[in-house]
Amino acid sequence: MTNGSEFMNREKLISDVVNNPAHYTYGEVEVIDYIEQVIKDYPPKMAFAIGNAIKYISRARHKNGKEDLDKARWYLQRAFDNWGE
């Protein structure tokens, strides 16, 4: 049988994984905040691709390794191909 504090700790852990996952935070910087700053001056189509490239590069070491770098490359190539549109 679990007590209330164990339940609250489990809920907090689940909430942290959703709201503040460790693989998207570097020190005091959350990757989403950085992405929002970088993409603000790009057209929407490019902003999406660049944001995703940053996301995958940022988490690669902590999550899926080369698979994430491959995804980042795909999004970066898409941004490159759409430059100037």
N, C-alpha and C. Protein backbone atom coordinates (compact mmCIF):
# COMPACT_ATOMS: atom_id res chain seq x y z
N MET A 1 0.85 -1.17 0.00
CA MET A 1 0.00 0.00 0.00
C MET A 1 0.90 1.24 0.00
N THR A 2 0.54 2.25 -0.80
CA THR A 2 1.32 3.47 -0.86
C THR A 2 0.65 4.54 -0.03
N ASN A 3 1.47 5.42 0.52
CA ASN A 3 0.89 6.53 1.26
C ASN A 3 0.77 7.75 0.35
N GLY A 4 0.17 8.80 0.82
CA GLY A 4 -0.07 9.99 0.02
C GLY A 4 1.19 10.64 -0.51
N SER A 5 2.26 10.65 0.30
CA SER A 5 3.48 11.31 -0.15
C SER A 5 4.13 10.57 -1.31
N GLU A 6 4.05 9.23 -1.33
CA GLU A 6 4.59 8.47 -2.45
C GLU A 6 3.83 8.80 -3.72
N PHE A 7 2.52 8.93 -3.61
CA PHE A 7 1.69 9.28 -4.75
C PHE A 7 2.06 10.67 -5.27
N MET A 8 2.24 11.62 -4.35
CA MET A 8 2.59 12.99 -4.74
C MET A 8 3.97 13.02 -5.40
N ASN A 9 4.92 12.24 -4.89
CA ASN A 9 6.24 12.19 -5.50
C ASN A 9 6.18 11.62 -6.91
N ARG A 10 5.37 10.60 -7.11
CA ARG A 10 5.19 10.00 -8.43
C ARG A 10 4.54 11.01 -9.38
N GLU A 11 3.54 11.73 -8.91
CA GLU A 11 2.87 12.74 -9.72
C GLU A 11 3.84 13.86 -10.09
N LYS A 12 4.69 14.26 -9.15
CA LYS A 12 5.67 15.32 -9.41
C LYS A 12 6.67 14.85 -10.46
N LEU A 13 7.13 13.61 -10.37
CA LEU A 13 8.07 13.06 -11.33
C LEU A 13 7.45 13.05 -12.72
N ILE A 14 6.22 12.59 -12.84
CA ILE A 14 5.53 12.57 -14.13
C ILE A 14 5.38 13.99 -14.66
N SER A 15 4.99 14.92 -13.82
CA SER A 15 4.83 16.31 -14.21
C SER A 15 6.15 16.89 -14.68
N ASP A 16 7.25 16.61 -13.99
CA ASP A 16 8.56 17.13 -14.38
C ASP A 16 8.99 16.59 -15.74
N VAL A 17 8.71 15.33 -16.02
CA VAL A 17 9.06 14.73 -17.30
C VAL A 17 8.29 15.42 -18.43
N VAL A 18 7.07 15.80 -18.17
CA VAL A 18 6.25 16.48 -19.17
C VAL A 18 6.60 17.96 -19.27
N ASN A 19 6.70 18.63 -18.15
CA ASN A 19 6.86 20.08 -18.13
C ASN A 19 8.30 20.56 -18.14
N ASN A 20 9.21 19.74 -17.71
CA ASN A 20 10.60 20.18 -17.59
C ASN A 20 11.55 18.99 -17.71
N PRO A 21 11.54 18.31 -18.86
CA PRO A 21 12.40 17.13 -18.98
C PRO A 21 13.88 17.51 -18.96
N ALA A 22 14.67 16.72 -18.30
CA ALA A 22 16.09 17.01 -18.12
C ALA A 22 16.83 17.11 -19.46
N HIS A 23 16.42 16.33 -20.47
CA HIS A 23 17.14 16.36 -21.74
C HIS A 23 16.83 17.61 -22.57
N TYR A 24 15.98 18.50 -22.06
CA TYR A 24 15.71 19.77 -22.72
C TYR A 24 16.14 20.96 -21.88
N THR A 25 17.01 20.74 -20.91
CA THR A 25 17.48 21.82 -20.05
C THR A 25 18.99 21.75 -19.92
N TYR A 26 19.64 22.89 -20.06
CA TYR A 26 21.07 23.00 -19.89
C TYR A 26 21.33 24.07 -18.86
N GLY A 27 21.69 23.68 -17.65
CA GLY A 27 21.88 24.64 -16.58
C GLY A 27 20.58 25.39 -16.33
N GLU A 28 20.61 26.68 -16.52
CA GLU A 28 19.43 27.51 -16.31
C GLU A 28 18.64 27.73 -17.61
N VAL A 29 19.13 27.20 -18.72
CA VAL A 29 18.52 27.46 -20.02
C VAL A 29 17.65 26.28 -20.45
N GLU A 30 16.39 26.58 -20.75
CA GLU A 30 15.52 25.56 -21.34
C GLU A 30 15.59 25.72 -22.84
N VAL A 31 15.73 24.62 -23.53
CA VAL A 31 15.90 24.64 -24.98
C VAL A 31 14.72 25.34 -25.66
N ILE A 32 13.52 25.15 -25.17
CA ILE A 32 12.37 25.80 -25.80
C ILE A 32 12.49 27.32 -25.77
N ASP A 33 13.02 27.86 -24.69
CA ASP A 33 13.22 29.32 -24.61
C ASP A 33 14.26 29.77 -25.64
N TYR A 34 15.32 29.01 -25.79
CA TYR A 34 16.35 29.33 -26.77
C TYR A 34 15.78 29.25 -28.18
N ILE A 35 15.04 28.19 -28.47
CA ILE A 35 14.44 28.02 -29.79
C ILE A 35 13.53 29.21 -30.12
N GLU A 36 12.70 29.60 -29.18
CA GLU A 36 11.79 30.73 -29.43
C GLU A 36 12.56 32.00 -29.76
N GLN A 37 13.70 32.22 -29.14
CA GLN A 37 14.51 33.39 -29.45
C GLN A 37 15.12 33.30 -30.84
N VAL A 38 15.61 32.13 -31.21
CA VAL A 38 16.27 31.95 -32.50
C VAL A 38 15.28 32.08 -33.65
N ILE A 39 14.12 31.47 -33.55
CA ILE A 39 13.20 31.38 -34.70
C ILE A 39 12.30 32.59 -34.89
N LYS A 40 12.30 33.53 -33.98
CA LYS A 40 11.32 34.62 -34.02
C LYS A 40 11.38 35.46 -35.30
N ASP A 41 12.50 35.53 -35.95
CA ASP A 41 12.62 36.34 -37.16
C ASP A 41 12.57 35.54 -38.46
N TYR A 42 12.32 34.25 -38.36
CA TYR A 42 12.21 33.42 -39.55
C TYR A 42 10.75 33.27 -39.98
N PRO A 43 10.52 33.05 -41.27
CA PRO A 43 9.16 32.72 -41.71
C PRO A 43 8.73 31.40 -41.08
N PRO A 44 7.43 31.20 -40.88
CA PRO A 44 6.94 30.00 -40.16
C PRO A 44 7.49 28.67 -40.66
N LYS A 45 7.53 28.47 -41.96
CA LYS A 45 7.99 27.19 -42.51
C LYS A 45 9.45 26.92 -42.11
N MET A 46 10.27 27.94 -42.19
CA MET A 46 11.68 27.77 -41.81
C MET A 46 11.83 27.70 -40.30
N ALA A 47 11.04 28.48 -39.58
CA ALA A 47 11.12 28.49 -38.11
C ALA A 47 10.87 27.10 -37.56
N PHE A 48 9.88 26.41 -38.10
CA PHE A 48 9.57 25.06 -37.65
C PHE A 48 10.76 24.13 -37.85
N ALA A 49 11.34 24.16 -39.04
CA ALA A 49 12.47 23.27 -39.35
C ALA A 49 13.69 23.60 -38.49
N ILE A 50 14.01 24.86 -38.35
CA ILE A 50 15.16 25.27 -37.55
C ILE A 50 14.94 24.93 -36.08
N GLY A 51 13.75 25.18 -35.58
CA GLY A 51 13.43 24.84 -34.19
C GLY A 51 13.59 23.35 -33.92
N ASN A 52 13.12 22.53 -34.85
CA ASN A 52 13.27 21.09 -34.66
C ASN A 52 14.72 20.66 -34.75
N ALA A 53 15.50 21.27 -35.64
CA ALA A 53 16.93 20.93 -35.71
C ALA A 53 17.61 21.23 -34.38
N ILE A 54 17.32 22.40 -33.82
CA ILE A 54 17.91 22.77 -32.53
C ILE A 54 17.48 21.77 -31.46
N LYS A 55 16.21 21.42 -31.46
CA LYS A 55 15.69 20.48 -30.46
C LYS A 55 16.45 19.15 -30.52
N TYR A 56 16.57 18.60 -31.72
CA TYR A 56 17.23 17.30 -31.84
C TYR A 56 18.72 17.37 -31.53
N ILE A 57 19.38 18.44 -31.92
CA ILE A 57 20.80 18.59 -31.58
C ILE A 57 20.97 18.67 -30.07
N SER A 58 20.10 19.44 -29.44
CA SER A 58 20.22 19.67 -27.99
C SER A 58 20.01 18.42 -27.16
N ARG A 59 19.15 17.54 -27.60
CA ARG A 59 18.84 16.38 -26.78
C ARG A 59 19.63 15.13 -27.16
N ALA A 60 20.36 15.17 -28.25
CA ALA A 60 21.02 13.96 -28.77
C ALA A 60 21.89 13.27 -27.74
N ARG A 61 22.70 14.00 -27.03
CA ARG A 61 23.62 13.40 -26.06
C ARG A 61 22.89 12.74 -24.90
N HIS A 62 21.68 13.20 -24.62
CA HIS A 62 20.94 12.72 -23.46
C HIS A 62 19.80 11.78 -23.80
N LYS A 63 19.51 11.59 -25.09
CA LYS A 63 18.34 10.78 -25.41
C LYS A 63 18.66 9.73 -26.48
N ASN A 64 18.64 10.08 -27.75
CA ASN A 64 18.73 9.07 -28.81
C ASN A 64 20.01 9.13 -29.64
N GLY A 65 20.99 9.88 -29.21
CA GLY A 65 22.30 9.89 -29.87
C GLY A 65 22.26 10.22 -31.35
N LYS A 66 22.91 9.38 -32.14
CA LYS A 66 23.03 9.63 -33.57
C LYS A 66 21.69 9.71 -34.28
N GLU A 67 20.69 9.00 -33.78
CA GLU A 67 19.35 9.08 -34.38
C GLU A 67 18.83 10.51 -34.32
N ASP A 68 19.01 11.18 -33.17
CA ASP A 68 18.58 12.57 -33.05
C ASP A 68 19.41 13.48 -33.95
N LEU A 69 20.70 13.22 -34.09
CA LEU A 69 21.52 14.04 -34.99
C LEU A 69 21.09 13.85 -36.44
N ASP A 70 20.68 12.65 -36.79
CA ASP A 70 20.18 12.39 -38.14
C ASP A 70 18.88 13.15 -38.38
N LYS A 71 18.01 13.17 -37.38
CA LYS A 71 16.76 13.94 -37.49
C LYS A 71 17.07 15.43 -37.61
N ALA A 72 18.03 15.92 -36.84
CA ALA A 72 18.42 17.33 -36.91
C ALA A 72 18.94 17.66 -38.31
N ARG A 73 19.74 16.78 -38.86
CA ARG A 73 20.26 16.99 -40.22
C ARG A 73 19.13 17.08 -41.23
N TRP A 74 18.12 16.22 -41.08
CA TRP A 74 16.97 16.23 -41.99
C TRP A 74 16.25 17.57 -41.93
N TYR A 75 15.99 18.06 -40.71
CA TYR A 75 15.31 19.35 -40.55
C TYR A 75 16.18 20.51 -41.03
N LEU A 76 17.47 20.45 -40.79
CA LEU A 76 18.37 21.50 -41.24
C LEU A 76 18.42 21.54 -42.77
N GLN A 77 18.44 20.37 -43.40
CA GLN A 77 18.42 20.31 -44.86
C GLN A 77 17.12 20.91 -45.39
N ARG A 78 16.02 20.65 -44.73
CA ARG A 78 14.72 21.22 -45.12
C ARG A 78 14.76 22.75 -45.02
N ALA A 79 15.33 23.27 -43.95
CA ALA A 79 15.46 24.72 -43.80
C ALA A 79 16.35 25.29 -44.91
N PHE A 80 17.45 24.61 -45.18
CA PHE A 80 18.37 25.04 -46.24
C PHE A 80 17.66 25.07 -47.58
N ASP A 81 16.91 24.01 -47.89
CA ASP A 81 16.21 23.91 -49.17
C ASP A 81 15.12 24.99 -49.32
N ASN A 82 14.56 25.44 -48.21
CA ASN A 82 13.49 26.44 -48.24
C ASN A 82 13.98 27.87 -48.02
N TRP A 83 15.29 28.04 -47.92
CA TRP A 83 15.85 29.39 -47.71
C TRP A 83 15.44 30.29 -48.87
N GLY A 84 14.93 31.43 -48.56
CA GLY A 84 14.56 32.39 -49.59
C GLY A 84 13.15 32.27 -50.13
N GLU A 85 12.41 31.28 -49.67
CA GLU A 85 11.01 31.12 -50.13
C GLU A 85 10.10 32.06 -49.39
